[in-house]
Amino acid sequence: MEQNKQNTTPAGRPRPRLTKAQRQARRRRRILRRVRNWVLFLAACGALVALMTSGLLWVLGQARTLLAGPEDYQPVAYDLSEYIFNGDDPYLVLVNNNLPLDAETQPTLAEAAPGIQLEAEAAAAWQAMAAAAQADGVELILVSGYQDAETRQAAYDARVESYLEEGLSEEEAAQRAKTVTPAPEGNESGTGLSLELLSDGYDSLDTGFDNTEAYRWLTAYAAEYGFILRWPADRQLATGMVYQPWRWRYVGAENARAIRASGLSLEEFLALYQQTQA
């Protein structure tokens, strides 16, 4: 009885007998389905293994970074024995709140990054430094460079306004603003030699930048390309400006190495050498 059920359709009619060719075709389809299923299974297993392997390699890489600690960049040891000071060097021009520009400068500018200009020699030096940093795995980002009088005025006014909103008087707000954003005529961004730098992965203009690999790289090698940290943490009394690890200044390679060796701010360095030549 059971055999009869298997050989009949639901309507009770006898099932048609398959020909030999049909039986072979059915068998081939079953084999192909099995092969396809195995291929899909093995592909899924391979993808899972690849994913697990890449994840393991990432974890091992992070572990090595943590165990090794931050990259230790070793700066060149500079000295002042062969340095010759040139008080007329245009790259040693000093502009600050106490020594404002007598008139608006007209530096020869060149594009240092898309939409950002620097004095031509400073722009070339920046590009060389950025390329060297990139070769060491550090991606430096130029945030700002040359600023015209209108832009400098707007930056200063915005800073003053922020302090007024905190409740300071106009005089207090103006004085505090100058220690963070110089007054327009005392802002050396008008020379095209001043620049703000950050790095890929750190885009805030705050002191946390000095904990980045980019800052360690700059501290070690920026002088080789003619740049100095403009407002160091330990020279605030001399510069009259708060510490800004993102603010750098082009002075030329020889001058930068000498200033780095002296441990002084630009203000102190110039005062010292100008006094010796007096």
C-alpha atoms as a PDB file:
ATOM      1  CA  MET A   1       0.000   0.000   0.000  1.00  0.00           C
ATOM      2  CA  GLU A   2       2.805   2.424   0.923  1.00  0.00           C
ATOM      3  CA  GLN A   3       4.590   1.708  -2.313  1.00  0.00           C
ATOM      4  CA  ASN A   4       1.420   2.414  -4.243  1.00  0.00           C
ATOM      5  CA  LYS A   5       1.113   5.826  -2.496  1.00  0.00           C
ATOM      6  CA  GLN A   6       4.628   6.760  -3.525  1.00  0.00           C
ATOM      7  CA  ASN A   7       3.911   5.885  -7.110  1.00  0.00           C
ATOM      8  CA  THR A   8       0.716   7.936  -7.328  1.00  0.00           C
ATOM      9  CA  THR A   9      -0.004  11.645  -7.469  1.00  0.00           C
ATOM     10  CA  PRO A  10      -2.107  13.444  -4.784  1.00  0.00           C
ATOM     11  CA  ALA A  11      -5.049  13.028  -7.151  1.00  0.00           C
ATOM     12  CA  GLY A  12      -4.544   9.265  -7.133  1.00  0.00           C
ATOM     13  CA  ARG A  13      -3.295   9.014 -10.689  1.00  0.00           C
ATOM     14  CA  PRO A  14      -0.168   6.956 -11.364  1.00  0.00           C
ATOM     15  CA  ARG A  15       3.050   8.999 -11.454  1.00  0.00           C
ATOM     16  CA  PRO A  16       4.663   9.063 -14.857  1.00  0.00           C
ATOM     17  CA  ARG A  17       7.825   6.983 -15.001  1.00  0.00           C
ATOM     18  CA  LEU A  18      11.012   8.953 -15.549  1.00  0.00           C
ATOM     19  CA  THR A  19      13.102   8.200 -18.522  1.00  0.00           C
ATOM     20  CA  LYS A  20      16.766   7.349 -18.118  1.00  0.00           C
ATOM     21  CA  ALA A  21      17.763  10.787 -19.379  1.00  0.00           C
ATOM     22  CA  GLN A  22      15.447  12.477 -16.864  1.00  0.00           C
ATOM     23  CA  ARG A  23      16.865  10.378 -14.019  1.00  0.00           C
ATOM     24  CA  GLN A  24      20.402  11.325 -15.031  1.00  0.00           C
ATOM     25  CA  ALA A  25      19.449  15.027 -15.264  1.00  0.00           C
ATOM     26  CA  ARG A  26      17.887  14.882 -11.781  1.00  0.00           C
ATOM     27  CA  ARG A  27      21.021  13.208 -10.431  1.00  0.00           C
ATOM     28  CA  ARG A  28      23.228  15.887 -11.996  1.00  0.00           C
ATOM     29  CA  ARG A  29      21.079  18.641 -10.453  1.00  0.00           C
ATOM     30  CA  ARG A  30      21.409  17.033  -7.018  1.00  0.00           C
ATOM     31  CA  ILE A  31      25.190  16.799  -7.444  1.00  0.00           C
ATOM     32  CA  LEU A  32      25.401  20.427  -8.608  1.00  0.00           C
ATOM     33  CA  ARG A  33      23.326  21.567  -5.624  1.00  0.00           C
ATOM     34  CA  ARG A  34      25.644  19.731  -3.265  1.00  0.00           C
ATOM     35  CA  VAL A  35      28.733  21.198  -4.954  1.00  0.00           C
ATOM     36  CA  ARG A  36      27.211  24.697  -4.814  1.00  0.00           C
ATOM     37  CA  ASN A  37      26.343  24.320  -1.142  1.00  0.00           C
ATOM     38  CA  TRP A  38      29.869  23.132  -0.327  1.00  0.00           C
ATOM     39  CA  VAL A  39      31.390  26.019  -2.287  1.00  0.00           C
ATOM     40  CA  LEU A  40      29.216  28.525  -0.423  1.00  0.00           C
ATOM     41  CA  PHE A  41      30.052  26.887   2.889  1.00  0.00           C
ATOM     42  CA  LEU A  42      33.792  26.913   2.208  1.00  0.00           C
ATOM     43  CA  ALA A  43      33.636  30.549   0.985  1.00  0.00           C
ATOM     44  CA  ALA A  44      31.857  31.585   4.182  1.00  0.00           C
ATOM     45  CA  CYS A  45      34.459  29.739   6.251  1.00  0.00           C
ATOM     46  CA  GLY A  46      37.259  31.484   4.317  1.00  0.00           C
ATOM     47  CA  ALA A  47      35.694  34.910   4.847  1.00  0.00           C
ATOM     48  CA  LEU A  48      35.301  34.209   8.565  1.00  0.00           C
ATOM     49  CA  VAL A  49      38.915  33.087   8.859  1.00  0.00           C
ATOM     50  CA  ALA A  50      40.092  36.197   6.978  1.00  0.00           C
ATOM     51  CA  LEU A  51      38.027  38.439   9.225  1.00  0.00           C
ATOM     52  CA  MET A  52      39.334  36.765  12.360  1.00  0.00           C
ATOM     53  CA  THR A  53      42.908  36.964  11.061  1.00  0.00           C
ATOM     54  CA  SER A  54      42.673  40.679  10.226  1.00  0.00           C
ATOM     55  CA  GLY A  55      41.113  41.345  13.612  1.00  0.00           C
ATOM     56  CA  LEU A  56      43.878  39.420  15.347  1.00  0.00           C
ATOM     57  CA  LEU A  57      46.552  41.308  13.412  1.00  0.00           C
ATOM     58  CA  TRP A  58      44.929  44.633  14.374  1.00  0.00           C
ATOM     59  CA  VAL A  59      44.829  43.628  18.039  1.00  0.00           C
ATOM     60  CA  LEU A  60      48.478  42.538  17.911  1.00  0.00           C
ATOM     61  CA  GLY A  61      49.424  45.838  16.250  1.00  0.00           C
ATOM     62  CA  GLN A  62      47.649  47.823  18.942  1.00  0.00           C
ATOM     63  CA  ALA A  63      49.273  45.712  21.633  1.00  0.00           C
ATOM     64  CA  ARG A  64      52.717  46.335  20.162  1.00  0.00           C
ATOM     65  CA  THR A  65      51.994  50.086  20.075  1.00  0.00           C
ATOM     66  CA  LEU A  66      50.908  50.090  23.708  1.00  0.00           C
ATOM     67  CA  LEU A  67      53.880  48.037  24.815  1.00  0.00           C
ATOM     68  CA  ALA A  68      56.355  50.099  22.806  1.00  0.00           C
ATOM     69  CA  GLY A  69      54.911  53.417  23.975  1.00  0.00           C
ATOM     70  CA  PRO A  70      54.950  56.619  21.884  1.00  0.00           C
ATOM     71  CA  GLU A  71      57.420  56.993  19.056  1.00  0.00           C
ATOM     72  CA  ASP A  72      60.671  58.441  20.361  1.00  0.00           C
ATOM     73  CA  TYR A  73      62.001  60.984  17.882  1.00  0.00           C
ATOM     74  CA  GLN A  74      65.577  61.972  18.555  1.00  0.00           C
ATOM     75  CA  PRO A  75      66.390  65.580  17.598  1.00  0.00           C
ATOM     76  CA  VAL A  76      69.747  66.643  16.269  1.00  0.00           C
ATOM     77  CA  ALA A  77      71.927  68.229  18.955  1.00  0.00           C
ATOM     78  CA  TYR A  78      72.474  71.837  17.869  1.00  0.00           C
ATOM     79  CA  ASP A  79      74.992  74.316  19.186  1.00  0.00           C
ATOM     80  CA  LEU A  80      75.674  77.997  18.645  1.00  0.00           C
ATOM     81  CA  SER A  81      79.424  77.754  18.023  1.00  0.00           C
ATOM     82  CA  GLU A  82      79.249  78.507  14.287  1.00  0.00           C
ATOM     83  CA  TYR A  83      76.087  80.571  14.200  1.00  0.00           C
ATOM     84  CA  ILE A  84      76.397  84.047  12.725  1.00  0.00           C
ATOM     85  CA  PHE A  85      73.604  86.409  13.685  1.00  0.00           C
ATOM     86  CA  ASN A  86      72.283  88.738  11.007  1.00  0.00           C
ATOM     87  CA  GLY A  87      70.076  91.438  12.463  1.00  0.00           C
ATOM     88  CA  ASP A  88      68.890  92.392   8.962  1.00  0.00           C
ATOM     89  CA  ASP A  89      67.615  88.909   8.149  1.00  0.00           C
ATOM     90  CA  PRO A  90      63.995  89.455   7.037  1.00  0.00           C
ATOM     91  CA  TYR A  91      63.035  86.051   8.447  1.00  0.00           C
ATOM     92  CA  LEU A  92      63.882  87.288  11.941  1.00  0.00           C
ATOM     93  CA  VAL A  93      61.352  90.102  11.827  1.00  0.00           C
ATOM     94  CA  LEU A  94      59.664  90.420  15.208  1.00  0.00           C
ATOM     95  CA  VAL A  95      55.983  91.303  15.349  1.00  0.00           C
ATOM     96  CA  ASN A  96      53.984  91.199  18.568  1.00  0.00           C
ATOM     97  CA  ASN A  97      51.625  93.313  20.659  1.00  0.00           C
ATOM     98  CA  ASN A  98      54.552  95.474  21.822  1.00  0.00           C
ATOM     99  CA  LEU A  99      56.175  95.715  18.380  1.00  0.00           C
ATOM    100  CA  PRO A 100      53.278  96.138  15.950  1.00  0.00           C
ATOM    101  CA  LEU A 101      53.633  96.472  12.209  1.00  0.00           C
ATOM    102  CA  ASP A 102      54.237 100.061  11.134  1.00  0.00           C
ATOM    103  CA  ALA A 103      52.348  99.410   7.921  1.00  0.00           C
ATOM    104  CA  GLU A 104      50.655  96.487   6.223  1.00  0.00           C
ATOM    105  CA  THR A 105      53.316  94.206   4.725  1.00  0.00           C
ATOM    106  CA  GLN A 106      53.210  92.841   1.199  1.00  0.00           C
ATOM    107  CA  PRO A 107      55.019  89.498   1.392  1.00  0.00           C
ATOM    108  CA  THR A 108      55.614  87.420  -1.710  1.00  0.00           C
ATOM    109  CA  LEU A 109      53.105  84.639  -1.175  1.00  0.00           C
ATOM    110  CA  ALA A 110      52.821  81.106  -2.500  1.00  0.00           C
ATOM    111  CA  GLU A 111      50.197  78.437  -1.975  1.00  0.00           C
ATOM    112  CA  ALA A 112      51.344  76.136   0.820  1.00  0.00           C
ATOM    113  CA  ALA A 113      48.161  74.047   0.952  1.00  0.00           C
ATOM    114  CA  PRO A 114      44.775  74.321  -0.772  1.00  0.00           C
ATOM    115  CA  GLY A 115      43.381  77.745   0.102  1.00  0.00           C
ATOM    116  CA  ILE A 116      46.273  78.629   2.445  1.00  0.00           C
ATOM    117  CA  GLN A 117      49.216  80.860   1.558  1.00  0.00           C
ATOM    118  CA  LEU A 118      52.574  81.496   3.203  1.00  0.00           C
ATOM    119  CA  GLU A 119      55.558  83.636   2.333  1.00  0.00           C
ATOM    120  CA  ALA A 120      57.154  81.876  -0.637  1.00  0.00           C
ATOM    121  CA  GLU A 121      60.244  80.451   1.104  1.00  0.00           C
ATOM    122  CA  ALA A 122      58.178  79.476   4.144  1.00  0.00           C
ATOM    123  CA  ALA A 123      55.678  77.712   1.874  1.00  0.00           C
ATOM    124  CA  ALA A 124      58.417  75.630   0.263  1.00  0.00           C
ATOM    125  CA  ALA A 125      59.887  74.797   3.675  1.00  0.00           C
ATOM    126  CA  TRP A 126      56.468  73.767   4.977  1.00  0.00           C
ATOM    127  CA  GLN A 127      55.899  71.426   2.053  1.00  0.00           C
ATOM    128  CA  ALA A 128      59.322  69.828   2.552  1.00  0.00           C
ATOM    129  CA  MET A 129      58.642  69.384   6.260  1.00  0.00           C
ATOM    130  CA  ALA A 130      55.166  67.941   5.671  1.00  0.00           C
ATOM    131  CA  ALA A 131      56.610  65.432   3.192  1.00  0.00           C
ATOM    132  CA  ALA A 132      59.341  64.386   5.641  1.00  0.00           C
ATOM    133  CA  ALA A 133      56.800  63.931   8.420  1.00  0.00           C
ATOM    134  CA  GLN A 134      54.572  61.872   6.127  1.00  0.00           C
ATOM    135  CA  ALA A 135      57.525  59.614   5.338  1.00  0.00           C
ATOM    136  CA  ASP A 136      57.730  58.955   9.085  1.00  0.00           C
ATOM    137  CA  GLY A 137      54.029  58.163   9.238  1.00  0.00           C
ATOM    138  CA  VAL A 138      52.974  61.567  10.613  1.00  0.00           C
ATOM    139  CA  GLU A 139      50.304  63.521   8.739  1.00  0.00           C
ATOM    140  CA  LEU A 140      50.706  67.241   9.475  1.00  0.00           C
ATOM    141  CA  ILE A 141      47.850  69.566   8.567  1.00  0.00           C
ATOM    142  CA  LEU A 142      48.289  73.273   7.839  1.00  0.00           C
ATOM    143  CA  VAL A 143      45.330  75.036   9.452  1.00  0.00           C
ATOM    144  CA  SER A 144      46.160  78.669   8.697  1.00  0.00           C
ATOM    145  CA  GLY A 145      48.900  80.839   7.248  1.00  0.00           C
ATOM    146  CA  TYR A 146      48.946  84.364   5.883  1.00  0.00           C
ATOM    147  CA  GLN A 147      46.055  86.574   6.993  1.00  0.00           C
ATOM    148  CA  ASP A 148      45.183  89.986   5.659  1.00  0.00           C
ATOM    149  CA  ALA A 149      44.288  92.899   7.951  1.00  0.00           C
ATOM    150  CA  GLU A 150      40.547  92.242   7.738  1.00  0.00           C
ATOM    151  CA  THR A 151      40.927  88.596   8.732  1.00  0.00           C
ATOM    152  CA  ARG A 152      43.221  89.456  11.634  1.00  0.00           C
ATOM    153  CA  GLN A 153      40.803  92.100  12.854  1.00  0.00           C
ATOM    154  CA  ALA A 154      37.884  89.670  12.700  1.00  0.00           C
ATOM    155  CA  ALA A 155      39.818  87.055  14.686  1.00  0.00           C
ATOM    156  CA  TYR A 156      40.724  89.565  17.387  1.00  0.00           C
ATOM    157  CA  ASP A 157      37.204  90.995  17.585  1.00  0.00           C
ATOM    158  CA  ALA A 158      35.739  87.490  17.944  1.00  0.00           C
ATOM    159  CA  ARG A 159      38.120  86.774  20.811  1.00  0.00           C
ATOM    160  CA  VAL A 160      37.218  90.019  22.570  1.00  0.00           C
ATOM    161  CA  GLU A 161      33.516  89.295  22.127  1.00  0.00           C
ATOM    162  CA  SER A 162      33.907  85.854  23.695  1.00  0.00           C
ATOM    163  CA  TYR A 163      35.374  87.436  26.838  1.00  0.00           C
ATOM    164  CA  LEU A 164      32.711  90.124  26.946  1.00  0.00           C
ATOM    165  CA  GLU A 165      30.111  87.358  26.945  1.00  0.00           C
ATOM    166  CA  GLU A 166      31.863  85.891  29.983  1.00  0.00           C
ATOM    167  CA  GLY A 167      31.220  89.123  31.852  1.00  0.00           C
ATOM    168  CA  LEU A 168      34.591  90.885  31.541  1.00  0.00           C
ATOM    169  CA  SER A 169      34.740  94.630  31.031  1.00  0.00           C
ATOM    170  CA  GLU A 170      35.790  95.953  27.621  1.00  0.00           C
ATOM    171  CA  GLU A 171      39.288  96.759  28.909  1.00  0.00           C
ATOM    172  CA  GLU A 172      39.681  93.348  30.569  1.00  0.00           C
ATOM    173  CA  ALA A 173      38.365  91.563  27.505  1.00  0.00           C
ATOM    174  CA  ALA A 174      40.763  93.434  25.201  1.00  0.00           C
ATOM    175  CA  GLN A 175      43.792  92.739  27.403  1.00  0.00           C
ATOM    176  CA  ARG A 176      43.028  89.048  27.789  1.00  0.00           C
ATOM    177  CA  ALA A 177      42.255  88.652  24.099  1.00  0.00           C
ATOM    178  CA  LYS A 178      45.697  89.969  23.182  1.00  0.00           C
ATOM    179  CA  THR A 179      47.370  87.122  25.085  1.00  0.00           C
ATOM    180  CA  VAL A 180      45.586  84.553  22.904  1.00  0.00           C
ATOM    181  CA  THR A 181      44.980  86.322  19.595  1.00  0.00           C
ATOM    182  CA  PRO A 182      47.245  89.340  19.008  1.00  0.00           C
ATOM    183  CA  ALA A 183      45.747  92.648  18.019  1.00  0.00           C
ATOM    184  CA  PRO A 184      45.613  92.972  14.199  1.00  0.00           C
ATOM    185  CA  GLU A 185      48.706  95.186  13.904  1.00  0.00           C
ATOM    186  CA  GLY A 186      50.621  92.937  16.326  1.00  0.00           C
ATOM    187  CA  ASN A 187      49.701  89.682  14.620  1.00  0.00           C
ATOM    188  CA  GLU A 188      52.604  88.250  12.628  1.00  0.00           C
ATOM    189  CA  SER A 189      50.179  86.271  10.460  1.00  0.00           C
ATOM    190  CA  GLY A 190      50.369  89.377   8.296  1.00  0.00           C
ATOM    191  CA  THR A 191      53.983  88.534   7.432  1.00  0.00           C
ATOM    192  CA  GLY A 192      53.154  85.132   5.966  1.00  0.00           C
ATOM    193  CA  LEU A 193      55.725  83.525   8.292  1.00  0.00           C
ATOM    194  CA  SER A 194      53.341  82.345  11.008  1.00  0.00           C
ATOM    195  CA  LEU A 195      51.299  79.176  10.739  1.00  0.00           C
ATOM    196  CA  GLU A 196      48.984  76.975  12.739  1.00  0.00           C
ATOM    197  CA  LEU A 197      49.577  73.223  12.546  1.00  0.00           C
ATOM    198  CA  LEU A 198      47.585  70.213  13.640  1.00  0.00           C
ATOM    199  CA  SER A 199      47.573  66.603  12.520  1.00  0.00           C
ATOM    200  CA  ASP A 200      45.370  63.933  11.047  1.00  0.00           C
ATOM    201  CA  GLY A 201      43.278  62.649  13.940  1.00  0.00           C
ATOM    202  CA  TYR A 202      43.626  65.811  16.042  1.00  0.00           C
ATOM    203  CA  ASP A 203      41.731  68.862  14.823  1.00  0.00           C
ATOM    204  CA  SER A 204      41.363  71.055  17.915  1.00  0.00           C
ATOM    205  CA  LEU A 205      43.411  74.173  18.563  1.00  0.00           C
ATOM    206  CA  ASP A 206      44.101  73.370  22.194  1.00  0.00           C
ATOM    207  CA  THR A 207      47.019  72.308  24.360  1.00  0.00           C
ATOM    208  CA  GLY A 208      46.085  68.648  23.978  1.00  0.00           C
ATOM    209  CA  PHE A 209      47.945  68.808  20.665  1.00  0.00           C
ATOM    210  CA  ASP A 210      51.219  68.514  22.577  1.00  0.00           C
ATOM    211  CA  ASN A 211      50.292  64.918  23.459  1.00  0.00           C
ATOM    212  CA  THR A 212      50.235  63.865  19.822  1.00  0.00           C
ATOM    213  CA  GLU A 213      52.882  62.083  17.805  1.00  0.00           C
ATOM    214  CA  ALA A 214      52.791  65.009  15.365  1.00  0.00           C
ATOM    215  CA  TYR A 215      53.855  67.455  18.080  1.00  0.00           C
ATOM    216  CA  ARG A 216      56.685  65.157  19.191  1.00  0.00           C
ATOM    217  CA  TRP A 217      57.857  64.966  15.590  1.00  0.00           C
ATOM    218  CA  LEU A 218      57.734  68.752  15.221  1.00  0.00           C
ATOM    219  CA  THR A 219      59.615  69.274  18.475  1.00  0.00           C
ATOM    220  CA  ALA A 220      62.364  66.990  17.225  1.00  0.00           C
ATOM    221  CA  TYR A 221      62.696  68.023  13.578  1.00  0.00           C
ATOM    222  CA  ALA A 222      60.922  71.319  12.785  1.00  0.00           C
ATOM    223  CA  ALA A 223      64.132  73.328  13.242  1.00  0.00           C
ATOM    224  CA  GLU A 224      65.721  71.348  10.408  1.00  0.00           C
ATOM    225  CA  TYR A 225      63.196  72.983   8.092  1.00  0.00           C
ATOM    226  CA  GLY A 226      63.402  76.458   9.612  1.00  0.00           C
ATOM    227  CA  PHE A 227      60.452  76.411  12.021  1.00  0.00           C
ATOM    228  CA  ILE A 228      60.284  77.183  15.737  1.00  0.00           C
ATOM    229  CA  LEU A 229      57.511  76.851  18.304  1.00  0.00           C
ATOM    230  CA  ARG A 230      56.390  80.456  18.518  1.00  0.00           C
ATOM    231  CA  TRP A 231      54.844  80.632  22.001  1.00  0.00           C
ATOM    232  CA  PRO A 232      56.414  77.962  24.250  1.00  0.00           C
ATOM    233  CA  ALA A 233      54.903  77.004  27.593  1.00  0.00           C
ATOM    234  CA  ASP A 234      57.970  78.040  29.605  1.00  0.00           C
ATOM    235  CA  ARG A 235      58.483  81.424  27.880  1.00  0.00           C
ATOM    236  CA  GLN A 236      55.064  83.023  28.376  1.00  0.00           C
ATOM    237  CA  LEU A 237      56.436  85.963  30.356  1.00  0.00           C
ATOM    238  CA  ALA A 238      58.788  86.805  27.511  1.00  0.00           C
ATOM    239  CA  THR A 239      56.311  86.386  24.671  1.00  0.00           C
ATOM    240  CA  GLY A 240      53.290  87.816  26.471  1.00  0.00           C
ATOM    241  CA  MET A 241      51.229  85.047  24.895  1.00  0.00           C
ATOM    242  CA  VAL A 242      49.657  81.911  26.307  1.00  0.00           C
ATOM    243  CA  TYR A 243      51.162  78.564  25.367  1.00  0.00           C
ATOM    244  CA  GLN A 244      49.972  77.405  21.944  1.00  0.00           C
ATOM    245  CA  PRO A 245      51.619  74.171  20.756  1.00  0.00           C
ATOM    246  CA  TRP A 246      49.954  74.529  17.364  1.00  0.00           C
ATOM    247  CA  ARG A 247      51.512  77.916  16.605  1.00  0.00           C
ATOM    248  CA  TRP A 248      54.809  77.769  14.651  1.00  0.00           C
ATOM    249  CA  ARG A 249      56.939  80.371  12.914  1.00  0.00           C
ATOM    250  CA  TYR A 250      59.352  80.245   9.993  1.00  0.00           C
ATOM    251  CA  VAL A 251      62.731  81.892  10.672  1.00  0.00           C
ATOM    252  CA  GLY A 252      65.024  79.969   8.321  1.00  0.00           C
ATOM    253  CA  ALA A 253      66.945  76.779   9.083  1.00  0.00           C
ATOM    254  CA  GLU A 254      70.123  78.333  10.533  1.00  0.00           C
ATOM    255  CA  ASN A 255      68.180  80.674  12.770  1.00  0.00           C
ATOM    256  CA  ALA A 256      65.772  77.932  13.855  1.00  0.00           C
ATOM    257  CA  ARG A 257      68.624  75.633  14.890  1.00  0.00           C
ATOM    258  CA  ALA A 258      70.266  78.429  16.857  1.00  0.00           C
ATOM    259  CA  ILE A 259      67.036  79.387  18.601  1.00  0.00           C
ATOM    260  CA  ARG A 260      66.369  75.733  19.390  1.00  0.00           C
ATOM    261  CA  ALA A 261      69.869  75.378  20.853  1.00  0.00           C
ATOM    262  CA  SER A 262      69.426  78.510  22.971  1.00  0.00           C
ATOM    263  CA  GLY A 263      66.166  77.347  24.538  1.00  0.00           C
ATOM    264  CA  LEU A 264      64.876  80.921  24.252  1.00  0.00           C
ATOM    265  CA  SER A 265      61.790  82.425  22.696  1.00  0.00           C
ATOM    266  CA  LEU A 266      62.178  84.525  19.557  1.00  0.00           C
ATOM    267  CA  GLU A 267      61.810  87.694  21.662  1.00  0.00           C
ATOM    268  CA  GLU A 268      64.588  86.670  24.062  1.00  0.00           C
ATOM    269  CA  PHE A 269      66.881  85.380  21.331  1.00  0.00           C
ATOM    270  CA  LEU A 270      66.701  88.610  19.355  1.00  0.00           C
ATOM    271  CA  ALA A 271      67.144  90.737  22.469  1.00  0.00           C
ATOM    272  CA  LEU A 272      70.260  88.753  23.427  1.00  0.00           C
ATOM    273  CA  TYR A 273      71.973  88.934  20.019  1.00  0.00           C
ATOM    274  CA  GLN A 274      70.987  92.499  19.274  1.00  0.00           C
ATOM    275  CA  GLN A 275      72.482  93.492  22.622  1.00  0.00           C
ATOM    276  CA  THR A 276      75.774  91.756  21.842  1.00  0.00           C
ATOM    277  CA  GLN A 277      76.008  93.645  18.543  1.00  0.00           C
ATOM    278  CA  ALA A 278      75.210  97.033  20.079  1.00  0.00           C
END
